[in-house]
Amino acid sequence: MKLWEGVYRSFDDIDVEYDYAVGDSENWVKSQVDKVENNPIEFFEEQNKLLNSYSMKFIYPKIVDFGGSIGHSYLAIDNKNVNFVVIETEEICEAGKKFYEDDSDIAFSSSISKLKNVDIVYVRSALQYAKSPMKKLVQLIELNPRYFILCHLSAGNVESFVSLQEWYGHKIPYWFLNLSQIRRLFDDCGYELEMQSSYEDLDQSNFPAENKILHTKNLVFKRIR
């Protein structure tokens, strides 16, 4: 079974049927709630070590987690003196508000524009699913956080392209991004790269050599002006 199908310049160039609204479906929402209820806290701590580390730099950090599902990364934060905002679909937001109805430290929103005084923006394996990832990245940078963390990012020395990710019978558009373009954007916006590391190997055996990035990346940018 192929994990990826096709190489396209954009969503508009995809010439087969695909599923873009999987994250809005009732089954997806239920699976995300089940994930929180059925996994030990160590599961989320292992996935979100980087965020936990940077959250400890602040006494009372305001963290924005773009595409953070039902607060998966929130569960990994040791610093419980936190203002945590998850940006998600309206369906996930409703489920999240219900799940954390007695917890005032975490909030859910489907809008980025109203957020202010942000210390950390965190994006874990979510930018790849945006229809226009660079535009979405600009919106998030405009929150002017002290630190911007990109975790499990599919980026490398390739021209940006879209492929279809095979996921339980669904074909979901998924971006592989040009790493240099991302770094230039942050540089232009007053950030420097503080840390970069490899995160997870990818099976791209059915891709042409020029489209292979081999592994996902972790990147941390720090605002310097």
C-alpha atoms as a PDB file:
ATOM      1  CA  MET A   1       0.000   0.000   0.000  1.00  0.00           C
ATOM      2  CA  LYS A   2       1.312   3.453  -0.939  1.00  0.00           C
ATOM      3  CA  LEU A   3       1.219   6.085   1.775  1.00  0.00           C
ATOM      4  CA  TRP A   4       1.418   8.894  -0.799  1.00  0.00           C
ATOM      5  CA  GLU A   5      -0.160   9.268  -4.209  1.00  0.00           C
ATOM      6  CA  GLY A   6       0.801  11.804  -6.854  1.00  0.00           C
ATOM      7  CA  VAL A   7       2.822  15.006  -7.014  1.00  0.00           C
ATOM      8  CA  TYR A   8       0.861  18.240  -7.589  1.00  0.00           C
ATOM      9  CA  ARG A   9       1.751  21.923  -7.581  1.00  0.00           C
ATOM     10  CA  SER A  10      -1.338  22.889  -5.557  1.00  0.00           C
ATOM     11  CA  PHE A  11      -4.737  21.671  -4.396  1.00  0.00           C
ATOM     12  CA  ASP A  12      -6.233  23.031  -7.624  1.00  0.00           C
ATOM     13  CA  ASP A  13      -4.043  20.735  -9.712  1.00  0.00           C
ATOM     14  CA  ILE A  14      -5.251  17.526  -8.041  1.00  0.00           C
ATOM     15  CA  ASP A  15      -7.089  15.575 -10.746  1.00  0.00           C
ATOM     16  CA  VAL A  16      -8.612  12.779  -8.622  1.00  0.00           C
ATOM     17  CA  GLU A  17     -11.215  12.730  -5.862  1.00  0.00           C
ATOM     18  CA  TYR A  18      -9.874  13.596  -2.433  1.00  0.00           C
ATOM     19  CA  ASP A  19     -11.140  14.301   1.090  1.00  0.00           C
ATOM     20  CA  TYR A  20     -10.337  17.700   2.575  1.00  0.00           C
ATOM     21  CA  ALA A  21     -12.939  17.913   5.351  1.00  0.00           C
ATOM     22  CA  VAL A  22     -11.969  14.730   7.215  1.00  0.00           C
ATOM     23  CA  GLY A  23     -11.147  16.862  10.268  1.00  0.00           C
ATOM     24  CA  ASP A  24     -14.739  18.109  10.366  1.00  0.00           C
ATOM     25  CA  SER A  25     -16.317  14.661  10.413  1.00  0.00           C
ATOM     26  CA  GLU A  26     -18.031  13.131  13.421  1.00  0.00           C
ATOM     27  CA  ASN A  27     -15.769  10.068  13.247  1.00  0.00           C
ATOM     28  CA  TRP A  28     -12.631  12.207  13.310  1.00  0.00           C
ATOM     29  CA  VAL A  29     -13.824  14.241  16.283  1.00  0.00           C
ATOM     30  CA  LYS A  30     -14.688  11.070  18.176  1.00  0.00           C
ATOM     31  CA  SER A  31     -11.287   9.544  17.372  1.00  0.00           C
ATOM     32  CA  GLN A  32      -9.533  12.597  18.823  1.00  0.00           C
ATOM     33  CA  VAL A  33     -11.542  12.492  22.038  1.00  0.00           C
ATOM     34  CA  ASP A  34     -10.887   8.752  22.309  1.00  0.00           C
ATOM     35  CA  LYS A  35      -7.173   9.411  21.843  1.00  0.00           C
ATOM     36  CA  VAL A  36      -7.134  11.638  24.917  1.00  0.00           C
ATOM     37  CA  GLU A  37      -9.254   9.291  26.999  1.00  0.00           C
ATOM     38  CA  ASN A  38      -7.397   6.083  26.085  1.00  0.00           C
ATOM     39  CA  ASN A  39      -3.731   7.067  26.157  1.00  0.00           C
ATOM     40  CA  PRO A  40      -1.487   7.669  29.180  1.00  0.00           C
ATOM     41  CA  ILE A  41      -0.117  11.152  29.751  1.00  0.00           C
ATOM     42  CA  GLU A  42       3.348   9.859  28.789  1.00  0.00           C
ATOM     43  CA  PHE A  43       2.097   9.373  25.220  1.00  0.00           C
ATOM     44  CA  PHE A  44       1.476  13.105  24.831  1.00  0.00           C
ATOM     45  CA  GLU A  45       4.590  14.117  26.768  1.00  0.00           C
ATOM     46  CA  GLU A  46       6.789  12.161  24.367  1.00  0.00           C
ATOM     47  CA  GLN A  47       5.230  13.864  21.328  1.00  0.00           C
ATOM     48  CA  ASN A  48       5.421  17.389  22.734  1.00  0.00           C
ATOM     49  CA  LYS A  49       8.738  17.578  24.596  1.00  0.00           C
ATOM     50  CA  LEU A  50       9.836  20.657  22.677  1.00  0.00           C
ATOM     51  CA  LEU A  51       6.784  22.697  23.616  1.00  0.00           C
ATOM     52  CA  ASN A  52       7.039  21.656  27.239  1.00  0.00           C
ATOM     53  CA  SER A  53      10.673  22.765  27.350  1.00  0.00           C
ATOM     54  CA  TYR A  54       9.970  26.231  25.930  1.00  0.00           C
ATOM     55  CA  SER A  55       6.880  26.769  28.058  1.00  0.00           C
ATOM     56  CA  MET A  56       9.107  26.589  31.137  1.00  0.00           C
ATOM     57  CA  LYS A  57      10.884  29.774  30.008  1.00  0.00           C
ATOM     58  CA  PHE A  58       7.818  31.764  31.096  1.00  0.00           C
ATOM     59  CA  ILE A  59       6.040  32.242  34.418  1.00  0.00           C
ATOM     60  CA  TYR A  60       2.603  32.500  32.816  1.00  0.00           C
ATOM     61  CA  PRO A  61       2.932  31.752  29.094  1.00  0.00           C
ATOM     62  CA  LYS A  62       0.233  32.344  26.535  1.00  0.00           C
ATOM     63  CA  ILE A  63       0.518  29.503  24.033  1.00  0.00           C
ATOM     64  CA  VAL A  64      -1.349  29.210  20.741  1.00  0.00           C
ATOM     65  CA  ASP A  65      -1.484  25.692  19.335  1.00  0.00           C
ATOM     66  CA  PHE A  66      -2.573  25.700  15.696  1.00  0.00           C
ATOM     67  CA  GLY A  67      -4.281  22.445  14.731  1.00  0.00           C
ATOM     68  CA  GLY A  68      -3.917  21.140  18.289  1.00  0.00           C
ATOM     69  CA  SER A  69      -6.913  18.788  18.219  1.00  0.00           C
ATOM     70  CA  ILE A  70      -8.479  18.092  21.641  1.00  0.00           C
ATOM     71  CA  GLY A  71      -5.613  19.731  23.517  1.00  0.00           C
ATOM     72  CA  HIS A  72      -3.120  16.914  23.025  1.00  0.00           C
ATOM     73  CA  SER A  73      -0.115  19.157  23.614  1.00  0.00           C
ATOM     74  CA  TYR A  74      -1.787  20.898  26.566  1.00  0.00           C
ATOM     75  CA  LEU A  75      -1.732  17.584  28.404  1.00  0.00           C
ATOM     76  CA  ALA A  76       2.052  17.472  28.027  1.00  0.00           C
ATOM     77  CA  ILE A  77       2.731  20.858  29.650  1.00  0.00           C
ATOM     78  CA  ASP A  78       4.344  20.687  33.089  1.00  0.00           C
ATOM     79  CA  ASN A  79       3.806  24.420  33.541  1.00  0.00           C
ATOM     80  CA  LYS A  80       0.116  24.381  34.494  1.00  0.00           C
ATOM     81  CA  ASN A  81       0.177  28.128  35.127  1.00  0.00           C
ATOM     82  CA  VAL A  82      -0.619  28.726  31.480  1.00  0.00           C
ATOM     83  CA  ASN A  83      -3.036  30.437  29.099  1.00  0.00           C
ATOM     84  CA  PHE A  84      -3.446  27.831  26.360  1.00  0.00           C
ATOM     85  CA  VAL A  85      -5.456  28.428  23.173  1.00  0.00           C
ATOM     86  CA  VAL A  86      -6.115  25.717  20.578  1.00  0.00           C
ATOM     87  CA  ILE A  87      -6.976  26.833  17.039  1.00  0.00           C
ATOM     88  CA  GLU A  88      -9.118  24.193  15.367  1.00  0.00           C
ATOM     89  CA  THR A  89     -12.205  23.520  13.282  1.00  0.00           C
ATOM     90  CA  GLU A  90     -15.523  24.491  14.812  1.00  0.00           C
ATOM     91  CA  GLU A  91     -16.388  20.825  15.331  1.00  0.00           C
ATOM     92  CA  ILE A  92     -13.195  20.114  17.260  1.00  0.00           C
ATOM     93  CA  CYS A  93     -13.606  23.341  19.232  1.00  0.00           C
ATOM     94  CA  GLU A  94     -17.054  22.313  20.423  1.00  0.00           C
ATOM     95  CA  ALA A  95     -15.770  18.904  21.501  1.00  0.00           C
ATOM     96  CA  GLY A  96     -12.768  20.493  23.226  1.00  0.00           C
ATOM     97  CA  LYS A  97     -14.854  23.000  25.162  1.00  0.00           C
ATOM     98  CA  LYS A  98     -17.054  20.180  26.396  1.00  0.00           C
ATOM     99  CA  PHE A  99     -14.108  17.949  27.319  1.00  0.00           C
ATOM    100  CA  TYR A 100     -12.349  20.708  29.312  1.00  0.00           C
ATOM    101  CA  GLU A 101     -15.467  22.471  30.600  1.00  0.00           C
ATOM    102  CA  ASP A 102     -14.063  22.607  34.157  1.00  0.00           C
ATOM    103  CA  ASP A 103     -10.581  23.765  33.121  1.00  0.00           C
ATOM    104  CA  SER A 104     -10.203  27.531  32.690  1.00  0.00           C
ATOM    105  CA  ASP A 105      -6.557  27.356  31.526  1.00  0.00           C
ATOM    106  CA  ILE A 106      -7.395  26.028  28.059  1.00  0.00           C
ATOM    107  CA  ALA A 107      -9.630  27.593  25.419  1.00  0.00           C
ATOM    108  CA  PHE A 108     -10.629  26.673  21.878  1.00  0.00           C
ATOM    109  CA  SER A 109     -11.142  29.001  18.931  1.00  0.00           C
ATOM    110  CA  SER A 110     -11.642  28.694  15.180  1.00  0.00           C
ATOM    111  CA  SER A 111     -10.222  32.205  14.621  1.00  0.00           C
ATOM    112  CA  ILE A 112      -6.627  33.414  14.716  1.00  0.00           C
ATOM    113  CA  SER A 113      -7.213  37.136  14.237  1.00  0.00           C
ATOM    114  CA  LYS A 114      -8.469  38.051  17.725  1.00  0.00           C
ATOM    115  CA  LEU A 115      -5.489  36.641  19.640  1.00  0.00           C
ATOM    116  CA  LYS A 116      -3.024  39.014  21.315  1.00  0.00           C
ATOM    117  CA  ASN A 117       0.009  38.959  23.629  1.00  0.00           C
ATOM    118  CA  VAL A 118       1.174  35.522  22.521  1.00  0.00           C
ATOM    119  CA  ASP A 119       4.419  34.070  23.896  1.00  0.00           C
ATOM    120  CA  ILE A 120       4.613  30.826  21.907  1.00  0.00           C
ATOM    121  CA  VAL A 121       2.985  29.666  18.691  1.00  0.00           C
ATOM    122  CA  TYR A 122       3.131  25.887  18.321  1.00  0.00           C
ATOM    123  CA  VAL A 123       2.313  23.956  15.164  1.00  0.00           C
ATOM    124  CA  ARG A 124       2.709  20.198  15.246  1.00  0.00           C
ATOM    125  CA  SER A 125       2.040  18.324  12.011  1.00  0.00           C
ATOM    126  CA  ALA A 126      -0.754  20.710  11.030  1.00  0.00           C
ATOM    127  CA  LEU A 127       0.649  23.235   8.555  1.00  0.00           C
ATOM    128  CA  GLN A 128       0.976  20.473   5.962  1.00  0.00           C
ATOM    129  CA  TYR A 129      -2.818  20.159   5.756  1.00  0.00           C
ATOM    130  CA  ALA A 130      -3.594  23.852   5.155  1.00  0.00           C
ATOM    131  CA  LYS A 131      -4.790  24.704   1.664  1.00  0.00           C
ATOM    132  CA  SER A 132      -2.381  27.657   1.541  1.00  0.00           C
ATOM    133  CA  PRO A 133       0.292  26.838   4.141  1.00  0.00           C
ATOM    134  CA  MET A 134       2.532  29.868   3.570  1.00  0.00           C
ATOM    135  CA  LYS A 135      -0.407  32.263   3.893  1.00  0.00           C
ATOM    136  CA  LYS A 136      -1.446  30.475   7.081  1.00  0.00           C
ATOM    137  CA  LEU A 137       2.111  30.730   8.363  1.00  0.00           C
ATOM    138  CA  VAL A 138       2.105  34.495   7.762  1.00  0.00           C
ATOM    139  CA  GLN A 139      -1.135  34.805   9.759  1.00  0.00           C
ATOM    140  CA  LEU A 140       0.418  32.940  12.658  1.00  0.00           C
ATOM    141  CA  ILE A 141       3.668  34.930  12.550  1.00  0.00           C
ATOM    142  CA  GLU A 142       1.579  38.117  12.715  1.00  0.00           C
ATOM    143  CA  LEU A 143       0.634  37.078  16.265  1.00  0.00           C
ATOM    144  CA  ASN A 144       4.212  38.215  16.997  1.00  0.00           C
ATOM    145  CA  PRO A 145       5.125  35.452  19.460  1.00  0.00           C
ATOM    146  CA  ARG A 146       8.456  35.382  21.291  1.00  0.00           C
ATOM    147  CA  TYR A 147       9.006  31.826  20.030  1.00  0.00           C
ATOM    148  CA  PHE A 148       7.551  29.967  17.082  1.00  0.00           C
ATOM    149  CA  ILE A 149       7.814  26.161  17.161  1.00  0.00           C
ATOM    150  CA  LEU A 150       7.228  23.992  14.111  1.00  0.00           C
ATOM    151  CA  CYS A 151       7.233  20.318  15.060  1.00  0.00           C
ATOM    152  CA  HIS A 152       7.027  17.306  12.730  1.00  0.00           C
ATOM    153  CA  LEU A 153       7.141  19.623   9.698  1.00  0.00           C
ATOM    154  CA  SER A 154       7.405  18.034   6.253  1.00  0.00           C
ATOM    155  CA  ALA A 155       9.940  20.382   4.712  1.00  0.00           C
ATOM    156  CA  GLY A 156      13.271  20.062   2.957  1.00  0.00           C
ATOM    157  CA  ASN A 157      15.331  20.865  -0.110  1.00  0.00           C
ATOM    158  CA  VAL A 158      12.434  20.416  -2.530  1.00  0.00           C
ATOM    159  CA  GLU A 159      10.097  22.643  -4.479  1.00  0.00           C
ATOM    160  CA  SER A 160       6.864  22.779  -2.504  1.00  0.00           C
ATOM    161  CA  PHE A 161       4.296  20.260  -3.711  1.00  0.00           C
ATOM    162  CA  VAL A 162       1.133  18.457  -2.663  1.00  0.00           C
ATOM    163  CA  SER A 163       0.596  14.734  -2.484  1.00  0.00           C
ATOM    164  CA  LEU A 164      -2.401  12.690  -1.390  1.00  0.00           C
ATOM    165  CA  GLN A 165      -1.934  10.970   1.946  1.00  0.00           C
ATOM    166  CA  GLU A 166      -3.631   7.584   2.263  1.00  0.00           C
ATOM    167  CA  TRP A 167      -5.385   7.491   5.645  1.00  0.00           C
ATOM    168  CA  TYR A 168      -7.893   4.766   6.501  1.00  0.00           C
ATOM    169  CA  GLY A 169      -9.477   4.814   3.075  1.00  0.00           C
ATOM    170  CA  HIS A 170      -9.287   8.597   2.693  1.00  0.00           C
ATOM    171  CA  LYS A 171      -7.068  10.572   0.342  1.00  0.00           C
ATOM    172  CA  ILE A 172      -6.031  13.768   2.093  1.00  0.00           C
ATOM    173  CA  PRO A 173      -4.022  16.588   0.439  1.00  0.00           C
ATOM    174  CA  TYR A 174      -0.697  17.013   2.229  1.00  0.00           C
ATOM    175  CA  TRP A 175       2.051  19.557   1.563  1.00  0.00           C
ATOM    176  CA  PHE A 176       5.779  18.968   1.379  1.00  0.00           C
ATOM    177  CA  LEU A 177       7.319  22.408   1.758  1.00  0.00           C
ATOM    178  CA  ASN A 178      10.481  24.186   0.701  1.00  0.00           C
ATOM    179  CA  LEU A 179      12.526  24.684   3.861  1.00  0.00           C
ATOM    180  CA  SER A 180      14.516  27.653   2.539  1.00  0.00           C
ATOM    181  CA  GLN A 181      11.314  29.558   1.760  1.00  0.00           C
ATOM    182  CA  ILE A 182      10.117  29.049   5.317  1.00  0.00           C
ATOM    183  CA  ARG A 183      13.414  30.222   6.783  1.00  0.00           C
ATOM    184  CA  ARG A 184      13.428  33.329   4.555  1.00  0.00           C
ATOM    185  CA  LEU A 185       9.913  34.212   5.657  1.00  0.00           C
ATOM    186  CA  PHE A 186      10.860  34.082   9.319  1.00  0.00           C
ATOM    187  CA  ASP A 187      14.029  36.068   8.667  1.00  0.00           C
ATOM    188  CA  ASP A 188      12.025  38.768   6.866  1.00  0.00           C
ATOM    189  CA  CYS A 189       9.624  38.911   9.823  1.00  0.00           C
ATOM    190  CA  GLY A 190      12.348  39.463  12.421  1.00  0.00           C
ATOM    191  CA  TYR A 191      13.053  35.931  13.618  1.00  0.00           C
ATOM    192  CA  GLU A 192      16.208  33.837  13.782  1.00  0.00           C
ATOM    193  CA  LEU A 193      16.439  30.069  13.689  1.00  0.00           C
ATOM    194  CA  GLU A 194      17.358  28.940  17.193  1.00  0.00           C
ATOM    195  CA  MET A 195      17.127  25.178  16.697  1.00  0.00           C
ATOM    196  CA  GLN A 196      16.633  22.624  13.919  1.00  0.00           C
ATOM    197  CA  SER A 197      16.578  18.838  14.173  1.00  0.00           C
ATOM    198  CA  SER A 198      15.301  15.791  12.340  1.00  0.00           C
ATOM    199  CA  TYR A 199      12.149  14.300  13.796  1.00  0.00           C
ATOM    200  CA  GLU A 200      10.757  11.280  11.966  1.00  0.00           C
ATOM    201  CA  ASP A 201      11.770   9.259   8.913  1.00  0.00           C
ATOM    202  CA  LEU A 202       9.319   9.188   6.023  1.00  0.00           C
ATOM    203  CA  ASP A 203       8.633   6.386   3.585  1.00  0.00           C
ATOM    204  CA  GLN A 204       8.740   8.162   0.228  1.00  0.00           C
ATOM    205  CA  SER A 205       9.911   5.153  -1.734  1.00  0.00           C
ATOM    206  CA  ASN A 206       7.373   5.786  -4.508  1.00  0.00           C
ATOM    207  CA  PHE A 207       8.473   9.421  -5.008  1.00  0.00           C
ATOM    208  CA  PRO A 208      10.961  10.690  -7.599  1.00  0.00           C
ATOM    209  CA  ALA A 209      14.322  11.598  -6.054  1.00  0.00           C
ATOM    210  CA  GLU A 210      13.692  15.343  -6.450  1.00  0.00           C
ATOM    211  CA  ASN A 211      10.597  15.111  -4.219  1.00  0.00           C
ATOM    212  CA  LYS A 212      12.131  13.226  -1.301  1.00  0.00           C
ATOM    213  CA  ILE A 213      12.826  14.978   2.023  1.00  0.00           C
ATOM    214  CA  LEU A 214      13.599  11.727   3.927  1.00  0.00           C
ATOM    215  CA  HIS A 215      12.439  12.968   7.337  1.00  0.00           C
ATOM    216  CA  THR A 216      10.304  15.615   9.022  1.00  0.00           C
ATOM    217  CA  LYS A 217      11.871  18.507  10.917  1.00  0.00           C
ATOM    218  CA  ASN A 218      11.587  20.340  14.215  1.00  0.00           C
ATOM    219  CA  LEU A 219      12.277  24.074  13.972  1.00  0.00           C
ATOM    220  CA  VAL A 220      12.302  26.777  16.648  1.00  0.00           C
ATOM    221  CA  PHE A 221      12.426  30.456  15.705  1.00  0.00           C
ATOM    222  CA  LYS A 222      13.082  33.281  18.172  1.00  0.00           C
ATOM    223  CA  ARG A 223      11.926  36.852  17.645  1.00  0.00           C
ATOM    224  CA  ILE A 224      14.906  39.229  17.621  1.00  0.00           C
ATOM    225  CA  ARG A 225      13.254  42.460  16.501  1.00  0.00           C
END
